[in-house]
Amino acid sequence: MIDQYIETFKSFKIEIFQAFYETFDMLSIAMVFTLIIGLLLGFLLFITRLDGIHANRGIYLILSAFINIIRSIPFILFIIVIIPFNRWIIGTGFGVDASKIPLSLIGIATFARFTEQDLLDVDKNIYETSYSLGASTLQYCRYFLLKEARTGLILSFTSASISLLSYSTVMGIIGGGGLGYLAISEGYYNFNYDLMWIIIVIMIIIVQFFQTIGNMLAKKYDKR
């Protein structure tokens, strides 16, 4: 039985490696935007909420509504409705590059909400300590809040990255390709279940890799 899977892998190795590259390409860009913009939005949500240090109901409601809308739309429909936005940004609504936009947006929305929750879990006395030391808002966020919440943030980013891998499986609807699309188009639809299971195993390995790295980094930087 193992020989059967080996033969299938040999027969489709070019397609598998191409699909792996497409998945890696989509995920790498989406993860960068997720980390940077999602983290910033999460901090903005935290400091502008009603009991935040710079409470601003208007800004908080706008940001929160933006995040909620993105997370509320079923992802496969979200991909379709932002095709015009893809064309406006990069000149095309289809392909691997176009797929990076919806992936980035859902990643940003997910991680921003995770970030807000992680920051809310930090001991509120931390602010009093930073205030008594004369720290500015930027210094409070960077040297106190971020330091206390970094373990949770690392694990949250790990979860968001794994979610992006799952979302990438449906990017074939706009020509994004990737491992998930290969598993469905060549595996499921063409009754090549051996190929489908090979790709499933590959994706399980990727998830395990993400989670292991995330756990290691969280443990390393847990200096609370």
N, C-alpha and C. Protein backbone atom coordinates (compact mmCIF):
# COMPACT_ATOMS: atom_id res chain seq x y z
N MET A 1 0.83 -1.21 0.00
CA MET A 1 0.00 0.00 0.00
C MET A 1 0.87 1.26 0.00
N ILE A 2 1.97 1.22 0.75
CA ILE A 2 2.88 2.36 0.78
C ILE A 2 3.47 2.59 -0.59
N ASP A 3 3.77 1.47 -1.29
CA ASP A 3 4.32 1.60 -2.64
C ASP A 3 3.37 2.34 -3.56
N GLN A 4 2.09 2.14 -3.35
CA GLN A 4 1.07 2.80 -4.16
C GLN A 4 1.12 4.31 -3.97
N TYR A 5 1.30 4.76 -2.71
CA TYR A 5 1.41 6.19 -2.44
C TYR A 5 2.71 6.76 -2.99
N ILE A 6 3.78 5.97 -2.92
CA ILE A 6 5.07 6.42 -3.45
C ILE A 6 4.98 6.63 -4.95
N GLU A 7 4.34 5.71 -5.63
CA GLU A 7 4.19 5.84 -7.08
C GLU A 7 3.33 7.05 -7.44
N THR A 8 2.29 7.28 -6.66
CA THR A 8 1.44 8.45 -6.92
C THR A 8 2.23 9.73 -6.71
N PHE A 9 3.04 9.75 -5.66
CA PHE A 9 3.86 10.93 -5.39
C PHE A 9 4.84 11.18 -6.54
N LYS A 10 5.47 10.12 -7.04
CA LYS A 10 6.41 10.25 -8.14
C LYS A 10 5.71 10.77 -9.39
N SER A 11 4.49 10.31 -9.62
CA SER A 11 3.75 10.71 -10.81
C SER A 11 3.33 12.18 -10.77
N PHE A 12 3.08 12.68 -9.55
CA PHE A 12 2.58 14.05 -9.41
C PHE A 12 3.58 14.97 -8.69
N LYS A 13 4.85 14.56 -8.61
CA LYS A 13 5.79 15.35 -7.80
C LYS A 13 5.96 16.77 -8.33
N ILE A 14 5.93 16.94 -9.65
CA ILE A 14 6.06 18.29 -10.21
C ILE A 14 4.87 19.15 -9.80
N GLU A 15 3.67 18.59 -9.93
CA GLU A 15 2.46 19.32 -9.54
C GLU A 15 2.44 19.60 -8.04
N ILE A 16 2.90 18.64 -7.24
CA ILE A 16 2.92 18.83 -5.79
C ILE A 16 3.89 19.93 -5.39
N PHE A 17 5.08 19.93 -5.97
CA PHE A 17 6.06 20.96 -5.64
C PHE A 17 5.60 22.34 -6.12
N GLN A 18 4.95 22.38 -7.29
CA GLN A 18 4.41 23.65 -7.78
C GLN A 18 3.32 24.16 -6.85
N ALA A 19 2.44 23.26 -6.42
CA ALA A 19 1.37 23.64 -5.50
C ALA A 19 1.93 24.07 -4.16
N PHE A 20 2.98 23.40 -3.70
CA PHE A 20 3.62 23.78 -2.43
C PHE A 20 4.21 25.18 -2.54
N TYR A 21 4.85 25.48 -3.67
CA TYR A 21 5.41 26.81 -3.87
C TYR A 21 4.32 27.88 -3.87
N GLU A 22 3.20 27.58 -4.55
CA GLU A 22 2.09 28.54 -4.59
C GLU A 22 1.53 28.79 -3.19
N THR A 23 1.40 27.72 -2.40
CA THR A 23 0.92 27.88 -1.03
C THR A 23 1.91 28.69 -0.21
N PHE A 24 3.20 28.37 -0.34
CA PHE A 24 4.24 29.10 0.40
C PHE A 24 4.25 30.57 0.01
N ASP A 25 4.11 30.84 -1.28
CA ASP A 25 4.10 32.22 -1.78
C ASP A 25 2.94 33.01 -1.19
N MET A 26 1.74 32.41 -1.23
CA MET A 26 0.55 33.09 -0.68
C MET A 26 0.69 33.31 0.82
N LEU A 27 1.11 32.25 1.53
CA LEU A 27 1.17 32.33 2.99
C LEU A 27 2.23 33.31 3.48
N SER A 28 3.40 33.30 2.85
CA SER A 28 4.49 34.15 3.33
C SER A 28 4.11 35.63 3.30
N ILE A 29 3.50 36.06 2.18
CA ILE A 29 3.07 37.46 2.07
C ILE A 29 1.95 37.76 3.06
N ALA A 30 0.95 36.87 3.10
CA ALA A 30 -0.19 37.09 3.98
C ALA A 30 0.25 37.13 5.45
N MET A 31 1.20 36.29 5.82
CA MET A 31 1.66 36.25 7.22
C MET A 31 2.39 37.53 7.60
N VAL A 32 3.15 38.09 6.67
CA VAL A 32 3.87 39.35 6.95
C VAL A 32 2.86 40.47 7.22
N PHE A 33 1.88 40.62 6.33
CA PHE A 33 0.86 41.66 6.53
C PHE A 33 0.02 41.39 7.78
N THR A 34 -0.26 40.11 8.03
CA THR A 34 -1.03 39.75 9.22
C THR A 34 -0.30 40.17 10.48
N LEU A 35 0.99 39.89 10.54
CA LEU A 35 1.77 40.22 11.73
C LEU A 35 1.85 41.72 11.95
N ILE A 36 2.22 42.46 10.92
CA ILE A 36 2.46 43.90 11.08
C ILE A 36 1.15 44.68 11.27
N ILE A 37 0.24 44.55 10.31
CA ILE A 37 -0.98 45.34 10.37
C ILE A 37 -1.93 44.81 11.43
N GLY A 38 -2.03 43.49 11.56
CA GLY A 38 -2.90 42.91 12.59
C GLY A 38 -2.48 43.32 13.98
N LEU A 39 -1.15 43.35 14.22
CA LEU A 39 -0.65 43.76 15.53
C LEU A 39 -0.98 45.22 15.81
N LEU A 40 -0.77 46.08 14.81
CA LEU A 40 -1.06 47.51 14.99
C LEU A 40 -2.55 47.75 15.24
N LEU A 41 -3.41 47.07 14.47
CA LEU A 41 -4.85 47.23 14.67
C LEU A 41 -5.28 46.71 16.03
N GLY A 42 -4.67 45.62 16.47
CA GLY A 42 -4.98 45.08 17.79
C GLY A 42 -4.64 46.06 18.90
N PHE A 43 -3.48 46.71 18.78
CA PHE A 43 -3.09 47.72 19.77
C PHE A 43 -4.04 48.91 19.74
N LEU A 44 -4.44 49.33 18.53
CA LEU A 44 -5.39 50.44 18.41
C LEU A 44 -6.73 50.10 19.04
N LEU A 45 -7.19 48.87 18.83
CA LEU A 45 -8.44 48.43 19.45
C LEU A 45 -8.32 48.48 20.97
N PHE A 46 -7.17 48.05 21.46
CA PHE A 46 -6.98 47.99 22.91
C PHE A 46 -6.95 49.38 23.55
N ILE A 47 -6.23 50.31 22.95
CA ILE A 47 -6.07 51.62 23.60
C ILE A 47 -7.25 52.55 23.34
N THR A 48 -8.10 52.25 22.32
CA THR A 48 -9.24 53.13 22.03
C THR A 48 -10.57 52.58 22.54
N ARG A 49 -10.57 51.38 23.14
CA ARG A 49 -11.82 50.84 23.68
C ARG A 49 -12.30 51.72 24.83
N LEU A 50 -13.52 51.53 25.28
CA LEU A 50 -14.15 52.43 26.24
C LEU A 50 -13.33 52.63 27.51
N ASP A 51 -12.65 51.56 27.98
CA ASP A 51 -11.84 51.68 29.18
C ASP A 51 -10.36 51.72 28.86
N GLY A 52 -10.02 52.07 27.58
CA GLY A 52 -8.62 52.15 27.18
C GLY A 52 -7.96 53.43 27.62
N ILE A 53 -6.65 53.48 27.47
CA ILE A 53 -5.91 54.66 27.95
C ILE A 53 -6.14 55.87 27.04
N HIS A 54 -6.58 55.63 25.80
CA HIS A 54 -6.95 56.72 24.89
C HIS A 54 -8.31 56.38 24.29
N ALA A 55 -9.30 56.26 25.13
CA ALA A 55 -10.63 55.83 24.69
C ALA A 55 -11.16 56.74 23.59
N ASN A 56 -11.62 56.14 22.52
CA ASN A 56 -12.21 56.89 21.40
C ASN A 56 -13.27 56.00 20.77
N ARG A 57 -14.50 56.26 21.12
CA ARG A 57 -15.59 55.40 20.71
C ARG A 57 -15.69 55.29 19.18
N GLY A 58 -15.50 56.43 18.49
CA GLY A 58 -15.62 56.44 17.04
C GLY A 58 -14.60 55.54 16.36
N ILE A 59 -13.33 55.72 16.73
CA ILE A 59 -12.26 54.91 16.12
C ILE A 59 -12.46 53.44 16.44
N TYR A 60 -12.79 53.15 17.70
CA TYR A 60 -12.96 51.74 18.09
C TYR A 60 -14.10 51.08 17.31
N LEU A 61 -15.23 51.78 17.17
CA LEU A 61 -16.37 51.20 16.47
C LEU A 61 -16.07 50.96 14.99
N ILE A 62 -15.33 51.89 14.37
CA ILE A 62 -14.97 51.74 12.96
C ILE A 62 -14.06 50.53 12.76
N LEU A 63 -13.01 50.46 13.58
CA LEU A 63 -12.07 49.34 13.47
C LEU A 63 -12.74 48.01 13.79
N SER A 64 -13.54 48.00 14.85
CA SER A 64 -14.22 46.77 15.26
C SER A 64 -15.21 46.31 14.19
N ALA A 65 -15.92 47.26 13.59
CA ALA A 65 -16.88 46.91 12.55
C ALA A 65 -16.17 46.35 11.32
N PHE A 66 -15.05 46.97 10.95
CA PHE A 66 -14.26 46.49 9.82
C PHE A 66 -13.82 45.05 10.04
N ILE A 67 -13.32 44.76 11.22
CA ILE A 67 -12.85 43.41 11.54
C ILE A 67 -14.02 42.42 11.57
N ASN A 68 -15.11 42.82 12.17
CA ASN A 68 -16.27 41.93 12.28
C ASN A 68 -16.86 41.60 10.91
N ILE A 69 -16.91 42.60 10.03
CA ILE A 69 -17.46 42.37 8.69
C ILE A 69 -16.61 41.34 7.93
N ILE A 70 -15.30 41.52 7.96
CA ILE A 70 -14.42 40.59 7.25
C ILE A 70 -14.56 39.18 7.80
N ARG A 71 -14.64 39.06 9.12
CA ARG A 71 -14.73 37.74 9.74
C ARG A 71 -16.12 37.12 9.60
N SER A 72 -17.11 37.93 9.32
CA SER A 72 -18.48 37.42 9.25
C SER A 72 -18.82 36.81 7.90
N ILE A 73 -18.21 37.32 6.84
CA ILE A 73 -18.52 36.82 5.49
C ILE A 73 -17.86 35.47 5.28
N PRO A 74 -18.61 34.45 4.86
CA PRO A 74 -17.98 33.16 4.53
C PRO A 74 -16.82 33.37 3.57
N PHE A 75 -15.68 32.77 3.85
CA PHE A 75 -14.46 33.13 3.14
C PHE A 75 -14.56 32.91 1.64
N ILE A 76 -15.23 31.85 1.22
CA ILE A 76 -15.32 31.58 -0.21
C ILE A 76 -16.12 32.68 -0.92
N LEU A 77 -17.09 33.27 -0.22
CA LEU A 77 -17.84 34.41 -0.78
C LEU A 77 -17.02 35.69 -0.70
N PHE A 78 -16.25 35.82 0.37
CA PHE A 78 -15.39 36.99 0.55
C PHE A 78 -14.38 37.09 -0.60
N ILE A 79 -13.84 35.93 -1.01
CA ILE A 79 -12.89 35.90 -2.12
C ILE A 79 -13.51 36.48 -3.38
N ILE A 80 -14.76 36.13 -3.60
CA ILE A 80 -15.45 36.56 -4.83
C ILE A 80 -15.80 38.05 -4.80
N VAL A 81 -16.32 38.52 -3.67
CA VAL A 81 -16.82 39.90 -3.63
C VAL A 81 -15.70 40.93 -3.68
N ILE A 82 -14.46 40.54 -3.35
CA ILE A 82 -13.38 41.53 -3.40
C ILE A 82 -12.55 41.40 -4.68
N ILE A 83 -13.03 40.63 -5.65
CA ILE A 83 -12.33 40.56 -6.94
C ILE A 83 -12.14 41.95 -7.55
N PRO A 84 -13.18 42.84 -7.55
CA PRO A 84 -12.96 44.21 -8.07
C PRO A 84 -11.88 44.95 -7.28
N PHE A 85 -11.81 44.72 -5.97
CA PHE A 85 -10.78 45.36 -5.16
C PHE A 85 -9.39 44.86 -5.57
N ASN A 86 -9.30 43.55 -5.84
CA ASN A 86 -8.02 42.98 -6.31
C ASN A 86 -7.58 43.66 -7.61
N ARG A 87 -8.53 43.82 -8.53
CA ARG A 87 -8.21 44.46 -9.81
C ARG A 87 -7.72 45.89 -9.60
N TRP A 88 -8.35 46.59 -8.67
CA TRP A 88 -7.98 47.98 -8.40
C TRP A 88 -6.58 48.07 -7.79
N ILE A 89 -6.23 47.10 -6.96
CA ILE A 89 -4.93 47.14 -6.27
C ILE A 89 -3.79 46.68 -7.16
N ILE A 90 -3.94 45.50 -7.80
CA ILE A 90 -2.82 44.92 -8.55
C ILE A 90 -3.11 44.75 -10.03
N GLY A 91 -4.30 45.14 -10.48
CA GLY A 91 -4.61 45.07 -11.90
C GLY A 91 -5.24 43.79 -12.37
N THR A 92 -5.39 42.80 -11.49
CA THR A 92 -6.03 41.54 -11.85
C THR A 92 -6.78 40.97 -10.66
N GLY A 93 -7.88 40.29 -10.93
CA GLY A 93 -8.67 39.71 -9.84
C GLY A 93 -8.40 38.24 -9.64
N PHE A 94 -7.51 37.66 -10.47
CA PHE A 94 -7.27 36.23 -10.43
C PHE A 94 -5.78 35.93 -10.38
N GLY A 95 -5.47 34.72 -9.90
CA GLY A 95 -4.08 34.30 -9.84
C GLY A 95 -3.54 34.27 -8.42
N VAL A 96 -2.28 33.82 -8.30
CA VAL A 96 -1.65 33.69 -6.99
C VAL A 96 -1.51 35.05 -6.31
N ASP A 97 -1.10 36.07 -7.06
CA ASP A 97 -0.92 37.40 -6.46
C ASP A 97 -2.24 37.96 -5.96
N ALA A 98 -3.31 37.77 -6.72
CA ALA A 98 -4.63 38.26 -6.29
C ALA A 98 -5.10 37.51 -5.04
N SER A 99 -4.69 36.26 -4.90
CA SER A 99 -5.11 35.46 -3.74
C SER A 99 -4.50 35.97 -2.44
N LYS A 100 -3.38 36.67 -2.55
CA LYS A 100 -2.71 37.16 -1.34
C LYS A 100 -3.53 38.24 -0.63
N ILE A 101 -4.36 38.96 -1.39
CA ILE A 101 -5.13 40.06 -0.80
C ILE A 101 -6.21 39.56 0.15
N PRO A 102 -7.13 38.67 -0.27
CA PRO A 102 -8.12 38.18 0.69
C PRO A 102 -7.49 37.40 1.84
N LEU A 103 -6.42 36.66 1.57
CA LEU A 103 -5.74 35.95 2.65
C LEU A 103 -5.17 36.92 3.68
N SER A 104 -4.56 38.00 3.18
CA SER A 104 -4.00 39.00 4.09
C SER A 104 -5.08 39.68 4.92
N LEU A 105 -6.19 40.01 4.28
CA LEU A 105 -7.28 40.70 4.98
C LEU A 105 -7.88 39.84 6.08
N ILE A 106 -8.15 38.56 5.78
CA ILE A 106 -8.73 37.70 6.80
C ILE A 106 -7.70 37.43 7.91
N GLY A 107 -6.43 37.34 7.55
CA GLY A 107 -5.39 37.16 8.56
C GLY A 107 -5.26 38.37 9.47
N ILE A 108 -5.30 39.56 8.88
CA ILE A 108 -5.22 40.79 9.66
C ILE A 108 -6.38 40.90 10.63
N ALA A 109 -7.60 40.63 10.13
CA ALA A 109 -8.78 40.72 10.98
C ALA A 109 -8.73 39.72 12.13
N THR A 110 -8.30 38.51 11.83
CA THR A 110 -8.23 37.46 12.85
C THR A 110 -7.19 37.79 13.90
N PHE A 111 -5.99 38.16 13.46
CA PHE A 111 -4.90 38.42 14.41
C PHE A 111 -5.15 39.69 15.21
N ALA A 112 -5.79 40.69 14.60
CA ALA A 112 -6.10 41.92 15.33
C ALA A 112 -7.01 41.63 16.52
N ARG A 113 -8.02 40.78 16.30
CA ARG A 113 -8.92 40.43 17.38
C ARG A 113 -8.21 39.60 18.44
N PHE A 114 -7.34 38.69 18.00
CA PHE A 114 -6.55 37.89 18.95
C PHE A 114 -5.65 38.81 19.78
N THR A 115 -5.04 39.79 19.10
CA THR A 115 -4.14 40.71 19.79
C THR A 115 -4.87 41.50 20.86
N GLU A 116 -6.03 42.01 20.51
CA GLU A 116 -6.84 42.76 21.49
C GLU A 116 -7.10 41.91 22.73
N GLN A 117 -7.48 40.66 22.52
CA GLN A 117 -7.78 39.79 23.65
C GLN A 117 -6.53 39.49 24.48
N ASP A 118 -5.40 39.27 23.82
CA ASP A 118 -4.15 39.02 24.54
C ASP A 118 -3.74 40.22 25.39
N LEU A 119 -3.94 41.41 24.87
CA LEU A 119 -3.59 42.62 25.62
C LEU A 119 -4.54 42.83 26.79
N LEU A 120 -5.80 42.45 26.62
CA LEU A 120 -6.76 42.57 27.72
C LEU A 120 -6.42 41.62 28.86
N ASP A 121 -5.72 40.54 28.56
CA ASP A 121 -5.36 39.57 29.58
C ASP A 121 -4.17 40.02 30.43
N VAL A 122 -3.49 41.08 29.99
CA VAL A 122 -2.33 41.58 30.75
C VAL A 122 -2.82 42.27 32.02
N ASP A 123 -2.10 42.08 33.11
CA ASP A 123 -2.43 42.69 34.39
C ASP A 123 -2.54 44.21 34.23
N LYS A 124 -3.67 44.77 34.63
CA LYS A 124 -3.90 46.21 34.47
C LYS A 124 -2.98 47.06 35.32
N ASN A 125 -2.37 46.47 36.34
CA ASN A 125 -1.43 47.22 37.18
C ASN A 125 -0.15 47.60 36.42
N ILE A 126 0.07 46.92 35.29
CA ILE A 126 1.25 47.23 34.47
C ILE A 126 1.22 48.69 34.02
N TYR A 127 0.02 49.18 33.70
CA TYR A 127 -0.09 50.57 33.25
C TYR A 127 0.27 51.52 34.37
N GLU A 128 -0.20 51.24 35.57
CA GLU A 128 0.12 52.10 36.71
C GLU A 128 1.62 52.14 36.94
N THR A 129 2.27 50.99 36.77
CA THR A 129 3.72 50.93 36.95
C THR A 129 4.42 51.80 35.91
N SER A 130 4.01 51.66 34.65
CA SER A 130 4.65 52.43 33.58
C SER A 130 4.39 53.93 33.75
N TYR A 131 3.17 54.27 34.19
CA TYR A 131 2.80 55.67 34.38
C TYR A 131 3.65 56.30 35.49
N SER A 132 3.85 55.52 36.56
CA SER A 132 4.65 56.04 37.68
C SER A 132 6.10 56.24 37.29
N LEU A 133 6.56 55.50 36.28
CA LEU A 133 7.94 55.63 35.81
C LEU A 133 8.08 56.69 34.73
N GLY A 134 6.95 57.33 34.38
CA GLY A 134 6.98 58.41 33.40
C GLY A 134 7.01 57.95 31.95
N ALA A 135 6.55 56.74 31.69
CA ALA A 135 6.58 56.21 30.33
C ALA A 135 5.48 56.86 29.48
N SER A 136 5.80 57.11 28.22
CA SER A 136 4.81 57.62 27.27
C SER A 136 3.93 56.46 26.82
N THR A 137 2.90 56.79 26.04
CA THR A 137 2.02 55.73 25.53
C THR A 137 2.79 54.74 24.67
N LEU A 138 3.67 55.25 23.81
CA LEU A 138 4.47 54.38 22.95
C LEU A 138 5.40 53.50 23.79
N GLN A 139 6.03 54.09 24.79
CA GLN A 139 6.92 53.32 25.66
C GLN A 139 6.14 52.28 26.47
N TYR A 140 4.94 52.65 26.90
CA TYR A 140 4.10 51.70 27.63
C TYR A 140 3.76 50.49 26.76
N CYS A 141 3.38 50.77 25.51
CA CYS A 141 3.01 49.67 24.60
C CYS A 141 4.21 48.81 24.25
N ARG A 142 5.35 49.47 24.04
CA ARG A 142 6.53 48.72 23.57
C ARG A 142 7.25 47.98 24.69
N TYR A 143 7.52 48.67 25.81
CA TYR A 143 8.37 48.09 26.84
C TYR A 143 7.61 47.38 27.95
N PHE A 144 6.33 47.64 28.08
CA PHE A 144 5.56 47.02 29.16
C PHE A 144 4.50 46.07 28.62
N LEU A 145 3.58 46.63 27.83
CA LEU A 145 2.44 45.84 27.35
C LEU A 145 2.89 44.71 26.42
N LEU A 146 3.70 45.06 25.42
CA LEU A 146 4.15 44.06 24.46
C LEU A 146 4.98 42.97 25.13
N LYS A 147 5.80 43.37 26.08
CA LYS A 147 6.65 42.40 26.77
C LYS A 147 5.83 41.42 27.59
N GLU A 148 4.79 41.91 28.23
CA GLU A 148 3.95 41.04 29.06
C GLU A 148 3.06 40.13 28.21
N ALA A 149 2.66 40.62 27.04
CA ALA A 149 1.70 39.87 26.23
C ALA A 149 2.35 39.04 25.14
N ARG A 150 3.68 39.09 25.00
CA ARG A 150 4.32 38.50 23.82
C ARG A 150 4.13 36.98 23.71
N THR A 151 4.07 36.29 24.85
CA THR A 151 3.85 34.84 24.78
C THR A 151 2.49 34.54 24.14
N GLY A 152 1.45 35.21 24.61
CA GLY A 152 0.12 35.02 24.05
C GLY A 152 0.06 35.47 22.60
N LEU A 153 0.78 36.56 22.26
CA LEU A 153 0.77 37.05 20.89
C LEU A 153 1.43 36.06 19.93
N ILE A 154 2.51 35.44 20.39
CA ILE A 154 3.19 34.45 19.55
C ILE A 154 2.27 33.27 19.26
N LEU A 155 1.59 32.79 20.30
CA LEU A 155 0.66 31.66 20.11
C LEU A 155 -0.54 32.07 19.26
N SER A 156 -0.99 33.30 19.43
CA SER A 156 -2.12 33.78 18.62
C SER A 156 -1.72 33.90 17.15
N PHE A 157 -0.51 34.39 16.90
CA PHE A 157 -0.04 34.49 15.52
C PHE A 157 0.13 33.10 14.91
N THR A 158 0.56 32.16 15.72
CA THR A 158 0.67 30.78 15.25
C THR A 158 -0.69 30.25 14.83
N SER A 159 -1.70 30.49 15.66
CA SER A 159 -3.06 30.05 15.33
C SER A 159 -3.58 30.74 14.07
N ALA A 160 -3.30 32.03 13.95
CA ALA A 160 -3.73 32.77 12.77
C ALA A 160 -3.05 32.23 11.51
N SER A 161 -1.78 31.87 11.61
CA SER A 161 -1.04 31.33 10.47
C SER A 161 -1.60 29.99 10.03
N ILE A 162 -1.95 29.16 11.00
CA ILE A 162 -2.55 27.86 10.69
C ILE A 162 -3.91 28.06 10.03
N SER A 163 -4.66 29.05 10.49
CA SER A 163 -5.95 29.36 9.86
C SER A 163 -5.75 29.80 8.41
N LEU A 164 -4.69 30.58 8.16
CA LEU A 164 -4.41 31.02 6.80
C LEU A 164 -4.13 29.83 5.89
N LEU A 165 -3.44 28.84 6.41
CA LEU A 165 -3.19 27.63 5.62
C LEU A 165 -4.51 26.96 5.23
N SER A 166 -5.44 26.90 6.18
CA SER A 166 -6.75 26.32 5.89
C SER A 166 -7.51 27.16 4.86
N TYR A 167 -7.46 28.49 5.02
CA TYR A 167 -8.15 29.36 4.06
C TYR A 167 -7.55 29.24 2.66
N SER A 168 -6.26 28.97 2.57
CA SER A 168 -5.60 28.91 1.26
C SER A 168 -6.10 27.75 0.41
N THR A 169 -6.75 26.78 1.02
CA THR A 169 -7.21 25.61 0.28
C THR A 169 -8.32 25.94 -0.72
N VAL A 170 -8.99 27.08 -0.55
CA VAL A 170 -10.08 27.43 -1.47
C VAL A 170 -9.69 28.55 -2.43
N MET A 171 -8.40 28.92 -2.45
CA MET A 171 -7.99 30.01 -3.32
C MET A 171 -8.01 29.63 -4.79
N GLY A 172 -8.17 28.34 -5.08
CA GLY A 172 -8.27 27.92 -6.47
C GLY A 172 -9.46 28.50 -7.19
N ILE A 173 -10.44 28.99 -6.44
CA ILE A 173 -11.65 29.56 -7.05
C ILE A 173 -11.32 30.81 -7.87
N ILE A 174 -10.21 31.48 -7.54
CA ILE A 174 -9.77 32.63 -8.34
C ILE A 174 -8.39 32.35 -8.94
N GLY A 175 -8.08 31.07 -9.13
CA GLY A 175 -6.83 30.71 -9.79
C GLY A 175 -5.61 30.81 -8.91
N GLY A 176 -5.82 30.76 -7.59
CA GLY A 176 -4.69 30.87 -6.68
C GLY A 176 -3.86 29.61 -6.58
N GLY A 177 -4.46 28.48 -6.94
CA GLY A 177 -3.72 27.22 -6.87
C GLY A 177 -3.43 26.81 -5.44
N GLY A 178 -2.30 26.16 -5.24
CA GLY A 178 -1.92 25.73 -3.91
C GLY A 178 -2.23 24.26 -3.66
N LEU A 179 -1.78 23.78 -2.52
CA LEU A 179 -1.95 22.37 -2.16
C LEU A 179 -3.41 21.97 -2.05
N GLY A 180 -4.21 22.82 -1.44
CA GLY A 180 -5.62 22.50 -1.26
C GLY A 180 -6.34 22.36 -2.57
N TYR A 181 -6.06 23.26 -3.50
CA TYR A 181 -6.70 23.19 -4.81
C TYR A 181 -6.29 21.94 -5.56
N LEU A 182 -5.01 21.56 -5.47
CA LEU A 182 -4.54 20.34 -6.13
C LEU A 182 -5.23 19.11 -5.54
N ALA A 183 -5.38 19.10 -4.21
CA ALA A 183 -6.04 17.97 -3.56
C ALA A 183 -7.49 17.83 -4.01
N ILE A 184 -8.16 18.95 -4.21
CA ILE A 184 -9.57 18.91 -4.61
C ILE A 184 -9.72 18.62 -6.11
N SER A 185 -8.98 19.37 -6.93
CA SER A 185 -9.15 19.25 -8.38
C SER A 185 -8.62 17.94 -8.94
N GLU A 186 -7.39 17.56 -8.54
CA GLU A 186 -6.80 16.33 -9.07
C GLU A 186 -7.06 15.13 -8.17
N GLY A 187 -7.24 15.38 -6.89
CA GLY A 187 -7.47 14.27 -5.97
C GLY A 187 -8.92 13.87 -5.87
N TYR A 188 -9.75 14.79 -5.41
CA TYR A 188 -11.16 14.46 -5.15
C TYR A 188 -11.97 14.33 -6.45
N TYR A 189 -11.93 15.36 -7.29
CA TYR A 189 -12.76 15.37 -8.48
C TYR A 189 -12.36 14.28 -9.49
N ASN A 190 -11.09 13.93 -9.53
CA ASN A 190 -10.62 12.90 -10.46
C ASN A 190 -10.47 11.53 -9.78
N PHE A 191 -11.01 11.42 -8.58
CA PHE A 191 -11.03 10.15 -7.84
C PHE A 191 -9.62 9.61 -7.56
N ASN A 192 -8.65 10.52 -7.48
CA ASN A 192 -7.28 10.11 -7.14
C ASN A 192 -7.09 10.34 -5.64
N TYR A 193 -7.66 9.45 -4.85
CA TYR A 193 -7.67 9.64 -3.41
C TYR A 193 -6.28 9.47 -2.80
N ASP A 194 -5.42 8.73 -3.47
CA ASP A 194 -4.04 8.59 -2.98
C ASP A 194 -3.35 9.95 -2.96
N LEU A 195 -3.53 10.71 -4.05
CA LEU A 195 -2.95 12.06 -4.13
C LEU A 195 -3.56 12.96 -3.07
N MET A 196 -4.87 12.86 -2.89
CA MET A 196 -5.55 13.69 -1.90
C MET A 196 -4.98 13.44 -0.51
N TRP A 197 -4.76 12.17 -0.17
CA TRP A 197 -4.24 11.86 1.16
C TRP A 197 -2.78 12.26 1.32
N ILE A 198 -2.02 12.18 0.24
CA ILE A 198 -0.62 12.64 0.29
C ILE A 198 -0.57 14.12 0.64
N ILE A 199 -1.43 14.91 -0.02
CA ILE A 199 -1.46 16.35 0.24
C ILE A 199 -1.98 16.65 1.65
N ILE A 200 -2.95 15.89 2.10
CA ILE A 200 -3.44 16.06 3.47
C ILE A 200 -2.32 15.84 4.48
N VAL A 201 -1.51 14.80 4.25
CA VAL A 201 -0.38 14.51 5.15
C VAL A 201 0.62 15.67 5.11
N ILE A 202 0.89 16.19 3.90
CA ILE A 202 1.82 17.32 3.78
C ILE A 202 1.32 18.52 4.58
N MET A 203 0.02 18.79 4.49
CA MET A 203 -0.55 19.94 5.20
C MET A 203 -0.54 19.71 6.72
N ILE A 204 -0.74 18.48 7.14
CA ILE A 204 -0.64 18.16 8.57
C ILE A 204 0.78 18.43 9.07
N ILE A 205 1.76 18.04 8.27
CA ILE A 205 3.17 18.28 8.64
C ILE A 205 3.44 19.78 8.75
N ILE A 206 2.90 20.56 7.80
CA ILE A 206 3.09 22.02 7.84
C ILE A 206 2.48 22.61 9.11
N VAL A 207 1.28 22.17 9.45
CA VAL A 207 0.61 22.66 10.67
C VAL A 207 1.43 22.29 11.90
N GLN A 208 1.92 21.07 11.96
CA GLN A 208 2.74 20.64 13.09
C GLN A 208 4.01 21.48 13.19
N PHE A 209 4.59 21.82 12.04
CA PHE A 209 5.79 22.66 12.01
C PHE A 209 5.48 24.04 12.57
N PHE A 210 4.40 24.65 12.10
CA PHE A 210 4.00 25.97 12.60
C PHE A 210 3.78 25.94 14.11
N GLN A 211 3.04 24.94 14.58
CA GLN A 211 2.70 24.88 15.99
C GLN A 211 3.93 24.63 16.86
N THR A 212 4.83 23.77 16.38
CA THR A 212 6.06 23.49 17.14
C THR A 212 6.93 24.73 17.26
N ILE A 213 7.13 25.43 16.14
CA ILE A 213 7.92 26.67 16.17
C ILE A 213 7.27 27.70 17.08
N GLY A 214 5.95 27.83 16.98
CA GLY A 214 5.23 28.79 17.82
C GLY A 214 5.38 28.47 19.29
N ASN A 215 5.23 27.21 19.65
CA ASN A 215 5.37 26.80 21.05
C ASN A 215 6.79 27.05 21.57
N MET A 216 7.78 26.77 20.73
CA MET A 216 9.17 26.98 21.13
C MET A 216 9.46 28.45 21.37
N LEU A 217 8.99 29.30 20.45
CA LEU A 217 9.22 30.74 20.60
C LEU A 217 8.48 31.30 21.81
N ALA A 218 7.25 30.82 22.02
CA ALA A 218 6.47 31.29 23.17
C ALA A 218 7.17 30.93 24.47
N LYS A 219 7.71 29.73 24.54
CA LYS A 219 8.42 29.30 25.74
C LYS A 219 9.70 30.08 25.95
N LYS A 220 10.40 30.34 24.84
CA LYS A 220 11.66 31.08 24.91
C LYS A 220 11.48 32.50 25.40
N TYR A 221 10.42 33.16 24.93
CA TYR A 221 10.22 34.57 25.25
C TYR A 221 9.27 34.81 26.41
N ASP A 222 8.90 33.76 27.10
CA ASP A 222 8.03 33.92 28.26
C ASP A 222 8.88 34.31 29.46
N LYS A 223 9.04 35.60 29.67
CA LYS A 223 9.88 36.14 30.75
C LYS A 223 9.04 36.87 31.80
N ARG A 224 7.75 36.54 31.85
CA ARG A 224 6.89 37.26 32.80
C ARG A 224 7.29 36.95 34.24
